[in-house]
N, C-alpha and C. Protein backbone atom coordinates (compact mmCIF):
# COMPACT_ATOMS: atom_id res chain seq x y z
N MET A 1 75.78 168.22 5.82
CA MET A 1 76.77 168.17 6.16
C MET A 1 77.28 169.13 7.64
N GLN A 2 77.78 168.33 8.53
CA GLN A 2 77.60 168.94 10.48
C GLN A 2 78.80 169.84 10.12
N ASP A 3 78.41 170.90 10.66
CA ASP A 3 78.77 172.43 11.25
C ASP A 3 80.37 171.80 11.85
N LEU A 4 81.48 172.84 11.86
CA LEU A 4 82.46 172.89 12.48
C LEU A 4 82.54 172.23 14.00
N ASN A 5 81.96 172.90 14.87
CA ASN A 5 81.52 172.44 16.05
C ASN A 5 81.19 171.22 16.00
N GLU A 6 80.55 171.16 15.83
CA GLU A 6 79.63 169.98 15.88
C GLU A 6 80.24 168.72 15.76
N LEU A 7 81.05 168.68 14.61
CA LEU A 7 82.44 167.75 14.54
C LEU A 7 83.66 167.65 15.43
N ARG A 8 83.80 169.17 16.34
CA ARG A 8 84.77 169.11 16.74
C ARG A 8 84.42 168.63 18.01
N ALA A 9 83.27 168.51 18.49
CA ALA A 9 82.54 168.30 19.63
C ALA A 9 82.94 166.50 20.11
N GLN A 10 82.71 166.55 18.69
CA GLN A 10 82.60 164.53 18.40
C GLN A 10 83.84 164.32 18.47
N ILE A 11 84.99 165.02 18.40
CA ILE A 11 86.59 164.84 18.35
C ILE A 11 86.90 164.87 19.87
N ASP A 12 85.98 165.93 20.48
CA ASP A 12 86.33 166.29 22.00
C ASP A 12 86.04 164.97 22.25
N ALA A 13 84.88 163.97 21.98
CA ALA A 13 84.33 163.90 23.17
C ALA A 13 84.83 161.99 22.66
N LEU A 14 85.65 161.75 21.51
CA LEU A 14 86.19 160.79 21.08
C LEU A 14 88.17 161.07 21.91
N ASP A 15 88.35 162.33 21.87
CA ASP A 15 89.70 162.58 22.73
C ASP A 15 89.22 161.75 23.83
N ASP A 16 87.90 162.12 25.09
CA ASP A 16 87.73 161.78 26.06
C ASP A 16 88.14 160.40 26.01
N GLN A 17 87.65 159.32 25.31
CA GLN A 17 87.61 158.21 25.32
C GLN A 17 88.84 157.10 24.99
N ILE A 18 89.24 157.98 24.65
CA ILE A 18 90.80 157.92 24.39
C ILE A 18 91.79 157.89 25.35
N LEU A 19 91.79 158.94 26.26
CA LEU A 19 92.63 158.86 27.27
C LEU A 19 91.81 158.69 28.41
N TYR A 20 90.55 157.26 28.10
CA TYR A 20 90.07 157.23 29.53
C TYR A 20 90.37 155.31 29.05
N LEU A 21 90.47 154.68 27.66
CA LEU A 21 90.96 153.41 26.96
C LEU A 21 92.56 153.61 27.92
N LEU A 22 93.13 154.53 27.34
CA LEU A 22 94.56 154.36 27.40
C LEU A 22 94.62 154.53 28.99
N ASP A 23 94.22 155.36 29.91
CA ASP A 23 94.31 154.80 31.11
C ASP A 23 94.42 153.49 31.79
N LYS A 24 93.65 152.82 31.47
CA LYS A 24 92.76 151.70 31.47
C LYS A 24 94.11 150.42 31.04
N ARG A 25 94.47 151.07 29.84
CA ARG A 25 95.36 150.25 29.53
C ARG A 25 96.99 149.97 30.14
N MET A 26 97.49 151.78 30.90
CA MET A 26 97.93 151.90 31.83
C MET A 26 98.23 151.05 32.86
N SER A 27 97.18 150.60 33.73
CA SER A 27 96.46 149.79 34.74
C SER A 27 96.48 148.86 34.69
N TYR A 28 96.58 148.11 33.65
CA TYR A 28 97.08 146.30 32.70
C TYR A 28 98.33 146.87 33.23
N VAL A 29 99.00 147.89 32.60
CA VAL A 29 100.63 147.97 31.83
C VAL A 29 101.02 147.46 33.65
N LYS A 30 101.04 148.37 35.31
CA LYS A 30 101.17 148.76 36.09
C LYS A 30 101.24 147.59 36.86
N GLU A 31 100.10 146.81 36.72
CA GLU A 31 100.21 145.28 37.16
C GLU A 31 100.74 144.39 35.86
N ILE A 32 101.15 144.63 35.48
CA ILE A 32 101.93 143.82 34.40
C ILE A 32 103.51 143.72 34.72
N GLY A 33 104.16 145.47 35.43
CA GLY A 33 104.97 145.28 36.25
C GLY A 33 105.21 145.13 36.84
N LYS A 34 104.39 144.98 38.21
CA LYS A 34 104.16 144.49 38.82
C LYS A 34 105.16 142.51 39.18
N ILE A 35 104.24 141.81 38.47
CA ILE A 35 104.93 140.69 38.20
C ILE A 35 105.66 140.36 37.52
N LYS A 36 106.20 140.89 36.73
CA LYS A 36 107.69 140.83 35.98
C LYS A 36 108.47 141.08 37.01
N GLN A 37 108.04 142.57 38.29
CA GLN A 37 109.39 142.89 39.08
C GLN A 37 109.24 141.89 40.15
N SER A 38 107.97 141.03 40.28
CA SER A 38 108.21 140.02 41.49
C SER A 38 108.99 139.00 41.09
N ASN A 39 108.91 138.70 39.38
CA ASN A 39 109.80 137.55 38.53
C ASN A 39 111.27 137.25 38.50
N ALA A 40 111.30 139.17 38.89
CA ALA A 40 112.71 138.97 38.49
C ALA A 40 113.14 139.21 36.82
N GLN A 41 111.57 139.58 36.07
CA GLN A 41 111.69 140.06 34.51
C GLN A 41 112.21 141.50 34.30
N GLU A 42 113.19 141.40 33.20
CA GLU A 42 112.75 142.80 32.33
C GLU A 42 111.57 143.37 32.06
N ILE A 43 111.44 144.79 32.49
CA ILE A 43 109.91 145.55 31.69
C ILE A 43 110.35 145.33 30.44
N TYR A 44 111.20 145.69 29.47
CA TYR A 44 111.58 145.90 27.51
C TYR A 44 111.22 144.23 27.49
N ASP A 45 110.41 144.14 26.58
CA ASP A 45 109.87 143.13 25.89
C ASP A 45 109.52 143.18 25.05
N HIS A 46 110.66 143.04 24.08
CA HIS A 46 111.25 143.08 22.54
C HIS A 46 109.75 142.30 21.55
N LYS A 47 109.93 141.40 22.05
CA LYS A 47 109.18 140.77 21.02
C LYS A 47 107.47 140.90 21.37
N ARG A 48 107.40 140.78 23.33
CA ARG A 48 105.50 141.74 22.49
C ARG A 48 105.20 143.12 21.97
N GLU A 49 106.08 143.92 21.95
CA GLU A 49 106.00 144.97 21.24
C GLU A 49 106.13 144.63 19.89
N GLU A 50 106.52 144.09 19.62
CA GLU A 50 106.30 143.56 17.92
C GLU A 50 105.14 142.64 17.47
N TYR A 51 104.84 142.10 18.47
CA TYR A 51 103.67 141.03 18.18
C TYR A 51 102.58 141.93 18.38
N ILE A 52 102.41 143.34 18.71
CA ILE A 52 101.36 143.78 19.20
C ILE A 52 101.49 144.51 18.27
N LEU A 53 102.43 145.05 17.42
CA LEU A 53 102.98 145.63 16.05
C LEU A 53 102.21 144.91 15.29
N ASP A 54 102.86 143.42 14.77
CA ASP A 54 102.37 143.09 13.53
C ASP A 54 100.89 142.70 13.83
N ARG A 55 100.22 142.54 14.66
CA ARG A 55 98.68 142.29 15.03
C ARG A 55 97.72 142.93 14.90
N LEU A 56 98.46 144.42 14.91
CA LEU A 56 97.46 145.90 14.89
C LEU A 56 97.80 146.20 13.01
N ASN A 57 98.50 146.11 12.87
CA ASN A 57 99.20 146.25 11.56
C ASN A 57 98.14 145.13 10.79
N ASN A 58 98.02 144.27 10.90
CA ASN A 58 96.92 143.54 10.02
C ASN A 58 95.71 144.14 10.03
N VAL A 59 95.76 144.82 10.67
CA VAL A 59 93.67 145.02 10.27
C VAL A 59 94.50 146.77 9.84
N LYS A 60 93.25 146.59 8.93
CA LYS A 60 93.35 148.00 7.95
C LYS A 60 92.48 148.68 8.05
N TYR A 61 92.70 150.01 8.51
CA TYR A 61 92.30 151.11 8.64
C TYR A 61 92.17 152.19 7.51
N LYS A 62 91.25 152.87 7.64
CA LYS A 62 90.79 153.79 6.36
C LYS A 62 91.83 155.15 6.60
N PHE A 63 92.26 155.61 7.41
CA PHE A 63 93.36 156.90 7.60
C PHE A 63 94.75 156.04 7.86
N LEU A 64 94.91 155.16 8.95
CA LEU A 64 95.36 154.93 9.64
C LEU A 64 96.88 153.90 8.77
N ASN A 65 98.08 154.41 8.75
CA ASN A 65 98.56 153.25 7.36
C ASN A 65 100.30 152.57 8.68
N SER A 66 100.57 151.39 8.48
CA SER A 66 101.66 150.92 9.40
C SER A 66 102.41 151.63 10.05
N ARG A 67 103.02 152.68 9.46
CA ARG A 67 103.37 154.07 9.91
C ARG A 67 103.27 154.57 10.84
N MET A 68 101.88 154.77 10.68
CA MET A 68 101.71 155.60 11.63
C MET A 68 101.02 155.50 13.29
N ILE A 69 101.14 154.27 12.46
CA ILE A 69 100.55 153.11 13.92
C ILE A 69 101.66 152.70 14.65
N LYS A 70 102.68 152.17 13.79
CA LYS A 70 103.78 152.72 14.56
C LYS A 70 104.30 153.56 15.15
N SER A 71 104.81 154.39 14.94
CA SER A 71 104.42 155.67 15.68
C SER A 71 103.44 155.50 16.39
N ILE A 72 102.32 155.96 17.08
CA ILE A 72 101.35 156.16 17.90
C ILE A 72 101.88 154.74 19.07
N TYR A 73 102.50 153.18 18.62
CA TYR A 73 102.56 152.60 19.50
C TYR A 73 103.80 152.79 19.96
N ARG A 74 104.82 153.50 19.69
CA ARG A 74 106.07 153.36 20.17
C ARG A 74 105.41 153.71 21.33
N GLU A 75 104.97 155.51 20.91
CA GLU A 75 104.99 156.33 22.50
C GLU A 75 104.17 155.56 23.29
N ILE A 76 103.15 155.09 23.12
CA ILE A 76 102.46 154.24 24.11
C ILE A 76 103.63 152.94 25.07
N PHE A 77 104.43 152.50 23.99
CA PHE A 77 105.46 151.17 24.35
C PHE A 77 106.43 152.31 25.63
N PHE A 78 106.69 153.38 25.50
CA PHE A 78 107.70 154.09 26.52
C PHE A 78 106.98 154.49 27.35
N ILE A 79 105.83 155.30 27.25
CA ILE A 79 105.42 155.44 28.14
C ILE A 79 104.46 153.84 29.16
N SER A 80 104.70 152.90 28.89
CA SER A 80 103.93 151.68 29.63
C SER A 80 105.56 151.44 30.19
N LYS A 81 106.24 151.57 29.71
CA LYS A 81 107.87 151.40 30.53
C LYS A 81 108.07 152.33 31.36
N GLN A 82 107.81 153.35 31.00
CA GLN A 82 107.87 154.72 32.66
C GLN A 82 107.09 154.19 33.59
N ILE A 83 106.04 153.76 33.44
CA ILE A 83 104.46 153.25 34.28
C ILE A 83 104.89 152.10 34.68
N GLN A 84 105.52 151.17 34.09
CA GLN A 84 106.37 149.74 34.86
C GLN A 84 107.48 150.45 35.35
N ASN A 85 108.13 150.96 35.55
CA ASN A 85 108.82 151.27 35.88
C ASN A 85 108.73 152.04 37.32
N LEU A 86 107.89 152.99 37.98
CA LEU A 86 107.14 153.77 38.75
C LEU A 86 107.18 152.83 40.09
N ASP A 87 107.82 153.56 41.16
CA ASP A 87 107.04 152.15 42.17
C ASP A 87 106.05 152.34 43.05
């Protein structure tokens, strides 16, 4: 069995990766926002958000259930809309 400090170090490394990937996701979000603005499209796309949630909920995870995934992604969607609205 691994000790507490080793497990925490592994979590720290994963946290770094998660934030790196979220930041990379937001760079794409920003580009999408620019395209939407140049085409006079609304930032909010309910159908796209529902598609993402449906797609992610079709994957079975060991510890994350549908409610948890939805909660995580609602926050990601909220932040994404903020980033798309930044000039």
